[in-house]
N, C-alpha and C. Protein backbone atom coordinates (compact mmCIF):
# COMPACT_ATOMS: atom_id res chain seq x y z
N UNK A 1 12.92 13.56 -8.47
CA UNK A 1 12.31 13.03 -7.68
C UNK A 1 12.03 10.92 -7.70
N UNK A 2 12.42 10.17 -6.67
CA UNK A 2 12.16 8.91 -6.63
C UNK A 2 11.41 8.49 -5.97
N UNK A 3 10.28 7.89 -5.63
CA UNK A 3 9.41 7.50 -5.04
C UNK A 3 9.53 5.98 -4.60
N UNK A 4 9.66 5.26 -3.71
CA UNK A 4 9.69 3.78 -3.40
C UNK A 4 8.40 3.69 -2.59
N UNK A 5 7.68 3.22 -3.53
CA UNK A 5 6.40 2.52 -2.60
C UNK A 5 6.28 1.46 -2.33
N UNK A 6 6.18 1.22 -0.76
CA UNK A 6 6.11 -0.23 -0.48
C UNK A 6 4.71 -0.82 0.31
N UNK A 7 4.68 -1.94 -0.25
CA UNK A 7 2.82 -2.39 0.39
C UNK A 7 3.60 -3.29 1.88
N UNK A 8 3.01 -2.69 2.84
CA UNK A 8 3.53 -3.62 4.28
C UNK A 8 3.63 -5.06 3.76
N UNK A 9 4.01 -5.54 4.80
CA UNK A 9 4.52 -7.06 4.86
C UNK A 9 3.24 -7.68 5.27
N UNK A 10 3.59 -9.19 5.19
CA UNK A 10 2.39 -9.89 5.77
C UNK A 10 1.60 -10.01 7.03
N UNK A 11 0.38 -9.92 7.53
CA UNK A 11 -0.09 -9.77 8.31
C UNK A 11 -1.25 -11.09 9.00
N UNK A 12 -0.94 -11.65 8.08
CA UNK A 12 -1.48 -13.60 8.17
C UNK A 12 -0.08 -14.30 7.95
N UNK A 13 -0.22 -15.41 8.76
CA UNK A 13 0.37 -16.49 7.92
C UNK A 13 -0.03 -17.30 7.18
N UNK A 14 0.83 -18.61 6.77
CA UNK A 14 0.18 -19.04 5.61
C UNK A 14 -0.43 -20.09 6.45
N UNK A 15 -1.43 -20.14 5.54
CA UNK A 15 -2.66 -21.15 6.21
C UNK A 15 -4.05 -20.57 7.00
N UNK A 16 -3.73 -19.29 7.25
CA UNK A 16 -4.71 -18.59 7.74
C UNK A 16 -5.69 -17.93 6.74
N UNK A 17 -7.49 -17.97 6.74
CA UNK A 17 -7.91 -17.60 5.94
C UNK A 17 -7.79 -16.20 5.54
N UNK A 18 -7.89 -15.61 3.94
CA UNK A 18 -7.63 -14.58 3.67
C UNK A 18 -8.53 -13.61 3.92
N UNK A 19 -8.32 -12.13 4.75
CA UNK A 19 -9.93 -11.16 5.17
C UNK A 19 -9.32 -9.88 4.49
N UNK A 20 -10.63 -9.27 4.07
CA UNK A 20 -10.07 -8.14 4.11
C UNK A 20 -9.62 -7.09 5.16
N UNK A 21 -8.51 -6.66 5.29
CA UNK A 21 -8.37 -5.57 6.01
C UNK A 21 -7.91 -4.50 5.99
N UNK A 22 -8.47 -3.38 6.59
CA UNK A 22 -8.80 -2.15 5.90
C UNK A 22 -8.26 -1.03 7.15
N UNK A 23 -8.60 -0.03 6.83
CA UNK A 23 -8.77 1.31 7.67
C UNK A 23 -8.72 1.19 9.26
N UNK A 24 -9.52 0.24 9.19
CA UNK A 24 -10.21 -0.09 10.68
C UNK A 24 -9.56 -1.18 11.71
N UNK A 25 -8.60 -1.80 11.03
CA UNK A 25 -7.99 -3.02 11.36
C UNK A 25 -7.01 -2.77 11.84
N UNK A 26 -5.88 -2.72 13.03
CA UNK A 26 -4.40 -2.04 13.01
C UNK A 26 -4.07 -3.53 13.88
N UNK A 27 -3.56 -4.49 12.43
CA UNK A 27 -3.22 -5.08 12.81
C UNK A 27 -1.19 -5.46 12.75
N UNK A 28 -0.56 -6.11 13.19
CA UNK A 28 0.94 -6.15 13.75
C UNK A 28 1.25 -6.76 12.03
N UNK A 29 2.76 -7.09 11.94
CA UNK A 29 3.00 -7.91 10.83
C UNK A 29 3.63 -9.53 11.85
N UNK A 30 3.38 -10.46 10.77
CA UNK A 30 3.29 -11.87 11.87
C UNK A 30 4.93 -12.00 10.85
N UNK A 31 5.82 -12.88 11.36
CA UNK A 31 6.61 -13.44 11.20
C UNK A 31 7.28 -13.29 9.58
N UNK A 32 6.45 -13.92 9.05
CA UNK A 32 6.51 -13.80 7.12
C UNK A 32 6.91 -12.68 6.73
N UNK A 33 5.86 -11.76 7.60
CA UNK A 33 5.61 -9.75 7.04
C UNK A 33 7.13 -9.50 7.67
N UNK A 34 7.54 -9.76 8.74
CA UNK A 34 9.01 -9.18 9.14
C UNK A 34 9.86 -9.90 8.33
N UNK A 35 10.33 -11.25 7.96
CA UNK A 35 11.33 -11.57 6.57
C UNK A 35 10.56 -10.46 5.59
N UNK A 36 10.08 -10.68 4.75
CA UNK A 36 8.95 -9.54 3.69
C UNK A 36 10.06 -8.45 3.54
N UNK A 37 9.61 -7.37 5.11
CA UNK A 37 10.40 -6.12 5.51
C UNK A 37 12.07 -6.35 5.41
N UNK A 38 12.72 -7.34 5.84
CA UNK A 38 13.81 -7.59 5.96
C UNK A 38 14.56 -7.79 4.71
N UNK A 39 13.64 -8.85 3.49
CA UNK A 39 14.35 -8.61 2.17
C UNK A 39 14.15 -7.37 1.71
N UNK A 40 13.39 -6.38 2.07
CA UNK A 40 12.78 -5.03 1.51
C UNK A 40 14.36 -4.33 1.86
N UNK A 41 14.51 -4.19 2.83
CA UNK A 41 16.14 -3.70 3.63
C UNK A 41 16.83 -4.07 2.70
N UNK A 42 17.04 -5.01 2.60
CA UNK A 42 18.15 -5.62 2.01
C UNK A 42 18.54 -5.18 0.22
N UNK A 43 17.29 -5.38 -0.31
CA UNK A 43 17.25 -4.69 -1.72
C UNK A 43 17.35 -3.30 -1.23
N UNK A 44 16.94 -2.55 -0.61
CA UNK A 44 17.51 -1.33 -0.96
C UNK A 44 18.29 -0.55 0.58
N UNK A 45 19.22 -1.45 0.60
CA UNK A 45 20.37 -1.18 1.64
C UNK A 45 21.34 -0.08 1.45
N UNK A 46 21.58 0.02 -0.18
CA UNK A 46 22.29 0.85 -1.13
C UNK A 46 21.70 2.43 -1.15
N UNK A 47 20.19 2.29 -0.71
CA UNK A 47 19.63 3.58 -1.53
C UNK A 47 19.65 4.44 -0.06
N UNK A 48 20.20 5.95 -0.48
CA UNK A 48 19.98 6.87 0.88
C UNK A 48 18.78 7.63 0.76
N UNK A 49 17.35 6.93 1.41
CA UNK A 49 16.12 7.78 1.25
C UNK A 49 16.36 8.67 2.44
N UNK A 50 15.61 9.99 1.99
CA UNK A 50 15.87 11.18 2.27
C UNK A 50 14.76 11.52 3.30
N UNK A 51 13.43 10.90 3.27
CA UNK A 51 12.49 11.02 4.15
C UNK A 51 11.55 9.61 4.26
N UNK A 52 10.46 9.03 4.91
CA UNK A 52 10.06 8.01 4.88
C UNK A 52 8.21 8.24 5.35
N UNK A 53 7.90 8.19 4.74
CA UNK A 53 6.08 8.70 4.74
C UNK A 53 5.47 7.00 4.93
N UNK A 54 4.95 7.04 6.28
CA UNK A 54 3.84 5.62 6.19
C UNK A 54 2.48 6.35 6.90
N UNK A 55 1.65 5.36 6.69
CA UNK A 55 0.49 5.41 7.15
C UNK A 55 0.11 4.95 8.35
N UNK A 56 -0.93 5.68 9.23
CA UNK A 56 -0.82 5.48 11.02
C UNK A 56 -0.90 4.43 10.81
N UNK A 57 -1.21 3.52 10.37
CA UNK A 57 -1.20 1.85 10.66
C UNK A 57 0.15 1.07 11.20
N UNK A 58 -0.31 0.25 11.72
CA UNK A 58 1.14 -0.13 12.93
C UNK A 58 1.82 -0.98 11.76
N UNK A 59 1.35 -1.49 11.07
CA UNK A 59 1.55 -2.77 9.80
C UNK A 59 2.39 -2.12 8.90
N UNK A 60 2.20 -0.83 8.38
CA UNK A 60 3.35 -0.25 7.59
C UNK A 60 4.26 0.70 8.24
N UNK A 61 4.02 1.20 9.66
CA UNK A 61 5.12 1.66 10.61
C UNK A 61 6.02 0.93 10.85
N UNK A 62 5.91 -0.75 11.07
CA UNK A 62 6.79 -1.44 11.24
C UNK A 62 7.49 -1.99 10.10
N UNK A 63 6.97 -2.30 8.92
CA UNK A 63 7.81 -2.48 7.68
C UNK A 63 8.43 -1.29 7.63
N UNK A 64 8.20 0.04 8.01
CA UNK A 64 9.68 0.92 7.96
C UNK A 64 10.23 1.12 8.52
N UNK A 65 9.91 0.89 9.72
CA UNK A 65 10.88 0.66 10.54
C UNK A 65 12.30 -0.21 10.38
N UNK A 66 12.03 -1.26 9.54
CA UNK A 66 12.93 -2.33 9.33
C UNK A 66 13.80 -2.24 7.90
N UNK A 67 13.02 -1.33 7.05
CA UNK A 67 13.69 -1.25 6.23
C UNK A 67 14.75 0.14 6.04
N UNK A 68 14.15 1.09 6.73
CA UNK A 68 14.70 2.35 7.24
C UNK A 68 14.88 2.38 8.31
N UNK A 69 15.44 1.93 9.53
CA UNK A 69 15.80 2.11 10.82
C UNK A 69 16.15 3.37 11.34
N UNK A 70 16.78 3.97 10.47
CA UNK A 70 17.65 5.42 10.96
C UNK A 70 16.54 6.59 10.74
N UNK A 71 15.48 6.60 9.98
CA UNK A 71 14.72 7.58 9.60
C UNK A 71 13.58 7.81 10.09
N UNK A 72 13.09 9.00 10.70
CA UNK A 72 12.42 9.11 11.53
C UNK A 72 10.79 9.30 10.36
N UNK A 73 9.59 8.49 11.34
CA UNK A 73 9.00 8.02 10.15
C UNK A 73 7.59 9.04 10.64
N UNK A 74 7.53 9.63 8.93
CA UNK A 74 6.38 11.07 9.05
C UNK A 74 4.89 9.99 8.39
N UNK A 75 3.91 10.06 9.51
CA UNK A 75 2.78 9.79 9.25
C UNK A 75 1.77 10.72 8.19
N UNK A 76 1.18 9.87 7.59
CA UNK A 76 0.64 10.63 6.29
C UNK A 76 -1.04 9.95 6.05
N UNK A 77 -1.85 10.46 6.47
CA UNK A 77 -3.19 9.76 6.85
C UNK A 77 -3.78 9.55 4.96
N UNK A 78 -3.00 10.12 4.40
CA UNK A 78 -3.40 9.68 2.58
C UNK A 78 -2.59 8.35 2.26
N UNK A 79 -1.96 7.78 3.18
CA UNK A 79 -1.41 6.63 2.69
C UNK A 79 -2.18 5.39 3.42
N UNK A 80 -3.33 5.51 4.57
CA UNK A 80 -3.61 4.86 4.88
C UNK A 80 -4.60 3.63 4.41
N UNK A 81 -4.67 2.75 4.57
CA UNK A 81 -5.75 1.95 3.59
C UNK A 81 -7.22 2.38 3.82
N UNK A 82 -7.86 1.93 2.92
CA UNK A 82 -9.42 1.77 2.68
C UNK A 82 -10.19 1.18 3.85
N UNK A 83 -11.28 2.10 3.68
CA UNK A 83 -12.08 1.44 4.64
C UNK A 83 -12.89 0.13 3.71
N UNK A 84 -13.13 -1.02 4.04
CA UNK A 84 -13.49 -1.96 3.50
C UNK A 84 -15.34 -2.24 4.02
N UNK A 85 -15.52 -0.97 4.74
CA UNK A 85 -17.35 -0.67 5.14
C UNK A 85 -17.40 -2.18 5.76
N UNK A 86 -18.68 -2.89 5.38
CA UNK A 86 -19.20 -3.89 6.09
C UNK A 86 -18.62 -5.47 5.32
N UNK A 87 -17.75 -4.98 4.96
CA UNK A 87 -16.48 -6.45 4.55
C UNK A 87 -15.08 -6.26 5.63
N UNK A 88 -15.35 -5.49 6.33
CA UNK A 88 -14.27 -5.30 7.12
C UNK A 88 -13.68 -6.77 7.89
N UNK A 89 -12.69 -7.07 7.87
CA UNK A 89 -12.37 -8.76 9.06
C UNK A 89 -13.19 -9.98 8.05
N UNK A 90 -14.19 -9.84 6.79
CA UNK A 90 -14.51 -10.60 6.33
C UNK A 90 -13.39 -11.26 5.40
N UNK A 91 -13.73 -12.79 5.12
CA UNK A 91 -13.04 -13.72 4.55
C UNK A 91 -13.14 -13.09 2.99
N UNK A 92 -12.27 -13.57 2.42
CA UNK A 92 -12.41 -12.91 0.72
C UNK A 92 -13.70 -13.86 0.44
N UNK A 93 -14.06 -15.07 0.55
CA UNK A 93 -15.00 -16.05 -0.03
C UNK A 93 -16.47 -15.14 0.81
N UNK A 94 -16.39 -14.76 1.92
CA UNK A 94 -17.96 -14.34 2.51
C UNK A 94 -17.66 -12.92 1.27
N UNK A 95 -16.40 -11.80 1.19
CA UNK A 95 -16.82 -10.79 0.82
C UNK A 95 -17.34 -11.17 -0.77
N UNK A 96 -16.70 -11.91 -1.56
CA UNK A 96 -17.07 -12.38 -2.82
C UNK A 96 -18.66 -12.94 -3.04
N UNK A 97 -19.40 -13.50 -2.00
CA UNK A 97 -20.65 -14.13 -1.96
C UNK A 97 -21.66 -12.81 -2.03
N UNK A 98 -20.95 -12.13 -0.89
CA UNK A 98 -22.19 -10.52 -1.10
C UNK A 98 -21.71 -9.43 -1.80
N UNK A 99 -20.72 -9.40 -2.38
CA UNK A 99 -19.97 -8.43 -3.42
C UNK A 99 -20.51 -9.01 -4.94
N UNK A 100 -19.88 -9.98 -5.44
CA UNK A 100 -20.08 -10.63 -6.63
C UNK A 100 -18.46 -10.56 -7.72
N UNK A 101 -18.42 -11.44 -8.27
CA UNK A 101 -17.16 -11.22 -8.72
C UNK A 101 -16.89 -10.15 -9.81
N UNK A 102 -18.14 -9.51 -10.58
CA UNK A 102 -17.78 -8.25 -10.85
C UNK A 102 -17.49 -6.97 -9.99
N UNK A 103 -18.22 -7.10 -8.92
CA UNK A 103 -17.93 -5.81 -8.20
C UNK A 103 -16.32 -6.02 -7.74
N UNK A 104 -15.77 -7.20 -7.62
CA UNK A 104 -14.27 -7.04 -7.28
C UNK A 104 -13.57 -6.60 -8.24
N UNK A 105 -13.98 -7.47 -9.26
CA UNK A 105 -13.22 -6.94 -10.77
C UNK A 105 -12.99 -6.10 -11.42
N UNK A 106 -14.12 -5.08 -11.04
CA UNK A 106 -14.15 -3.60 -10.91
C UNK A 106 -13.20 -2.66 -10.38
N UNK A 107 -13.42 -3.50 -8.95
CA UNK A 107 -12.08 -2.46 -8.37
C UNK A 107 -10.63 -2.76 -8.22
N UNK A 108 -10.22 -4.20 -8.65
CA UNK A 108 -9.19 -4.19 -9.37
C UNK A 108 -8.82 -3.62 -10.45
N UNK A 109 -9.86 -3.47 -11.46
CA UNK A 109 -9.59 -3.30 -13.01
C UNK A 109 -9.36 -1.44 -12.55
N UNK A 110 -10.32 -0.96 -12.05
CA UNK A 110 -10.95 0.61 -12.43
C UNK A 110 -10.56 1.00 -11.07
N UNK A 111 -10.54 0.70 -9.72
CA UNK A 111 -10.13 1.13 -8.61
C UNK A 111 -11.79 2.02 -8.28
N UNK A 112 -12.75 1.37 -8.63
CA UNK A 112 -14.38 1.62 -8.53
C UNK A 112 -14.48 1.12 -7.63
N UNK A 113 -14.84 1.18 -5.91
CA UNK A 113 -14.95 0.90 -5.07
C UNK A 113 -16.58 0.37 -4.72
N UNK A 114 -16.46 -1.25 -4.55
CA UNK A 114 -17.75 -1.63 -4.53
C UNK A 114 -18.44 -1.03 -3.62
N UNK A 115 -20.01 -1.48 -3.46
CA UNK A 115 -21.13 -0.82 -2.78
C UNK A 115 -20.30 -0.79 -0.58
N UNK A 116 -20.83 0.07 -0.30
CA UNK A 116 -20.16 0.26 1.36
C UNK A 116 -19.09 0.26 1.23
N UNK A 117 -17.74 0.24 0.53
CA UNK A 117 -16.70 0.93 0.83
C UNK A 117 -16.74 2.38 0.92
N UNK A 118 -15.70 2.93 1.92
CA UNK A 118 -15.23 3.86 2.08
C UNK A 118 -14.32 4.42 1.30
N UNK A 119 -14.63 4.91 -0.04
CA UNK A 119 -12.99 5.42 -0.50
C UNK A 119 -13.70 6.73 -1.47
N UNK A 120 -12.31 7.54 -1.19
CA UNK A 120 -12.63 8.96 -1.68
C UNK A 120 -11.83 8.65 -2.59
N UNK A 121 -11.67 8.60 -3.88
CA UNK A 121 -10.67 8.25 -4.95
C UNK A 121 -10.35 9.60 -5.44
N UNK A 122 -11.00 10.91 -5.48
CA UNK A 122 -10.47 11.49 -5.85
C UNK A 122 -9.66 12.50 -5.24
N UNK A 123 -9.97 12.92 -3.27
CA UNK A 123 -8.71 12.96 -2.77
C UNK A 123 -7.79 12.16 -2.63
N UNK A 124 -8.00 11.13 -2.28
CA UNK A 124 -6.34 10.19 -2.80
C UNK A 124 -5.56 10.56 -3.79
N UNK A 125 -6.19 10.64 -5.18
CA UNK A 125 -5.41 10.93 -6.44
C UNK A 125 -5.05 12.82 -6.48
N UNK A 126 -5.87 13.63 -5.89
CA UNK A 126 -5.20 14.75 -5.28
C UNK A 126 -4.23 14.88 -4.57
N UNK A 127 -3.77 13.69 -3.36
CA UNK A 127 -2.92 13.63 -2.51
C UNK A 127 -1.91 13.15 -3.18
N UNK A 128 -1.93 12.28 -4.07
CA UNK A 128 -0.52 11.59 -4.75
C UNK A 128 -0.07 12.75 -5.88
N UNK A 129 -0.84 13.53 -6.51
CA UNK A 129 -0.53 13.96 -7.22
C UNK A 129 0.13 15.26 -6.71
N UNK A 130 0.00 15.94 -5.68
CA UNK A 130 0.29 16.74 -4.86
C UNK A 130 1.74 16.47 -3.99
N UNK A 131 1.63 15.66 -4.09
CA UNK A 131 2.77 14.57 -3.43
C UNK A 131 4.10 14.61 -4.60
N UNK A 132 3.51 13.72 -5.69
CA UNK A 132 4.58 13.68 -6.76
C UNK A 132 4.94 15.40 -7.45
N UNK A 133 4.46 16.38 -7.11
CA UNK A 133 4.58 17.49 -7.87
C UNK A 133 5.66 18.26 -6.52
N UNK A 134 5.38 18.29 -5.11
CA UNK A 134 5.89 18.99 -4.44
C UNK A 134 7.59 18.53 -3.56
N UNK A 135 7.54 16.54 -4.10
CA UNK A 135 8.46 15.96 -3.61
C UNK A 135 10.03 15.88 -4.20
N UNK A 136 10.76 15.94 -3.39
CA UNK A 136 12.29 16.52 -3.70
C UNK A 136 12.79 15.00 -3.20
N UNK A 137 14.11 14.69 -3.78
CA UNK A 137 14.86 13.72 -3.46
C UNK A 137 14.33 12.11 -3.38
N UNK A 138 14.88 10.82 -2.87
CA UNK A 138 14.74 9.98 -2.54
C UNK A 138 13.45 9.52 -1.72
N UNK A 139 12.58 8.96 -1.72
CA UNK A 139 11.63 9.24 -0.84
C UNK A 139 10.90 7.98 -0.46
N UNK A 140 10.83 6.99 0.40
CA UNK A 140 10.17 5.82 0.90
C UNK A 140 8.93 6.06 1.40
N UNK A 141 7.75 5.11 0.32
CA UNK A 141 6.34 5.74 0.81
C UNK A 141 5.92 3.93 1.88
N UNK A 142 5.72 4.14 2.70
CA UNK A 142 5.22 1.94 2.86
C UNK A 142 3.74 2.61 3.52
N UNK A 143 2.67 2.37 2.68
CA UNK A 143 1.52 1.95 2.25
C UNK A 143 0.53 1.08 1.80
N UNK A 144 -0.57 0.76 2.16
CA UNK A 144 -1.21 -0.43 1.61
C UNK A 144 -2.15 -0.87 -0.15
N UNK A 145 -2.33 -1.80 -0.17
CA UNK A 145 -2.13 -1.75 -1.20
C UNK A 145 -3.63 -0.84 -2.17
N UNK A 146 -4.66 -0.49 -1.17
CA UNK A 146 -5.63 -0.19 -1.14
C UNK A 146 -5.28 1.79 -1.59
N UNK A 147 -4.52 1.92 -1.32
CA UNK A 147 -3.93 3.03 -1.07
C UNK A 147 -2.59 3.17 -2.33
N UNK A 148 -2.06 2.52 -2.11
CA UNK A 148 -1.20 2.44 -3.41
C UNK A 148 -1.54 3.01 -4.85
N UNK A 149 -2.92 1.75 -5.06
CA UNK A 149 -3.06 1.80 -6.34
C UNK A 149 -3.44 3.27 -7.33
N UNK A 150 -3.94 4.41 -6.24
CA UNK A 150 -4.05 5.20 -6.12
C UNK A 150 -3.21 6.70 -6.97
N UNK A 151 -1.69 5.64 -6.52
CA UNK A 151 -0.33 6.27 -7.42
C UNK A 151 -0.74 6.58 -8.58
N UNK A 152 -1.10 5.16 -9.05
CA UNK A 152 -0.81 5.04 -10.55
C UNK A 152 -1.98 6.06 -10.93
N UNK A 153 -2.98 5.90 -10.60
CA UNK A 153 -4.60 6.48 -11.37
C UNK A 153 -3.92 8.41 -11.12
N UNK A 154 -3.05 8.15 -10.54
CA UNK A 154 -2.74 9.89 -9.98
C UNK A 154 -1.48 10.43 -11.31
N UNK A 155 -1.14 9.78 -11.73
CA UNK A 155 -0.48 9.20 -13.52
C UNK A 155 -0.93 8.85 -14.50
N UNK A 156 -2.21 8.96 -14.23
CA UNK A 156 -3.26 8.38 -15.58
C UNK A 156 -2.96 7.29 -16.12
N UNK A 157 -2.61 6.63 -14.83
CA UNK A 157 -2.48 5.29 -15.70
C UNK A 157 -3.48 4.20 -14.89
N UNK A 158 -3.49 2.99 -15.15
CA UNK A 158 -4.55 1.97 -14.89
C UNK A 158 -4.01 1.33 -13.36
N UNK A 159 -5.48 1.71 -12.70
CA UNK A 159 -4.71 0.78 -11.22
C UNK A 159 -4.01 -0.84 -11.54
N UNK A 160 -3.02 -1.19 -10.76
CA UNK A 160 -2.49 -2.08 -10.24
C UNK A 160 -2.24 -2.57 -8.94
N UNK A 161 -2.59 -3.80 -8.96
CA UNK A 161 -2.08 -4.21 -7.13
C UNK A 161 -1.12 -4.13 -7.09
N UNK A 162 -0.37 -3.85 -6.01
CA UNK A 162 0.97 -4.51 -5.08
C UNK A 162 0.55 -5.25 -3.91
N UNK A 163 1.28 -6.08 -4.18
CA UNK A 163 1.46 -7.50 -3.28
C UNK A 163 2.30 -7.07 -2.26
N UNK A 164 1.59 -7.75 -0.52
CA UNK A 164 2.11 -7.78 0.29
C UNK A 164 3.99 -7.54 0.11
N UNK A 165 4.76 -6.89 0.63
CA UNK A 165 6.07 -7.52 0.47
C UNK A 165 6.77 -7.00 -0.58
N UNK A 166 5.76 -6.07 -1.82
CA UNK A 166 6.40 -5.70 -2.71
C UNK A 166 6.76 -3.92 -2.91
N UNK A 167 7.23 -4.22 -3.86
CA UNK A 167 7.68 -2.73 -4.37
C UNK A 167 7.37 -1.68 -5.87
N UNK A 168 6.53 -0.53 -5.83
CA UNK A 168 6.99 -0.17 -7.16
C UNK A 168 7.86 1.28 -6.78
N UNK A 169 8.25 1.64 -8.10
CA UNK A 169 8.87 2.82 -8.05
C UNK A 169 8.94 3.65 -9.01
N UNK A 170 8.52 5.13 -8.54
CA UNK A 170 8.37 5.98 -9.77
C UNK A 170 9.34 6.94 -9.63
N UNK A 171 9.84 7.11 -10.75
CA UNK A 171 11.13 8.28 -11.14
C UNK A 171 10.70 9.66 -11.56
N UNK A 172 10.71 10.55 -11.05
CA UNK A 172 10.49 11.82 -12.11
C UNK A 172 8.82 11.93 -13.31
N UNK A 173 7.52 11.18 -12.00
CA UNK A 173 6.27 11.07 -12.76
C UNK A 173 6.41 9.59 -13.95
N UNK A 174 7.28 8.74 -13.68
CA UNK A 174 7.52 7.63 -14.85
C UNK A 174 7.50 6.24 -13.84
N UNK A 175 6.55 5.57 -13.89
CA UNK A 175 6.77 4.22 -13.46
C UNK A 175 7.97 2.87 -13.79
N UNK A 176 8.86 3.20 -12.86
CA UNK A 176 9.95 2.04 -13.47
C UNK A 176 9.93 0.70 -13.04
N UNK A 177 8.65 0.55 -12.06
CA UNK A 177 8.54 -0.77 -11.53
C UNK A 177 7.35 -1.01 -10.77
N UNK A 178 6.80 -1.87 -10.82
CA UNK A 178 5.78 -2.01 -10.02
C UNK A 178 5.51 -3.73 -9.47
N UNK A 179 4.96 -3.88 -8.64
CA UNK A 179 4.39 -5.43 -8.00
C UNK A 179 5.97 -5.80 -7.92
N UNK A 180 7.03 -5.07 -7.50
CA UNK A 180 8.19 -6.38 -7.03
C UNK A 180 8.88 -6.69 -6.09
N UNK A 181 8.50 -7.99 -5.97
CA UNK A 181 8.74 -8.46 -4.59
C UNK A 181 10.16 -9.22 -4.87
N UNK A 182 11.29 -8.52 -3.93
CA UNK A 182 13.05 -8.86 -3.94
C UNK A 182 13.14 -10.30 -3.10
């Protein structure tokens, strides 16, 4: 089994203030995000995907449709972005002011959700483990950073960030690439 895990393309233009956008905010890709998806499509042009799983969010569906335009998109709720609670839509500066750098560092390093964020980590890890156990063939999964990090946790690896427009690859339970931008 080969899983290509893609984080959706940009939803903000350069110069826009970075914000925490999670499960409750359904944004479309901006032009730079569409360009990132096109770069991913070129990167995987010779790859024959057997399935394409996406989160229910528009940004993941749009990214997937550019990468694999001939595949049906299968919505998988466990791929949905996390809920940032009171920080949904807030600027990164406001989130840091509310939570502090330690809480955010703990999220980045250990996937330990800060106070107020809604993250069922055990359920996310279980969903990824189930996927890895049952999946066959080459599968494209388009998701968000908050969900992708649990793929690594399911393999008993430390979480790692997946930047917008980047991908990771897991072949037969082994990470062969992570956070690669074409």
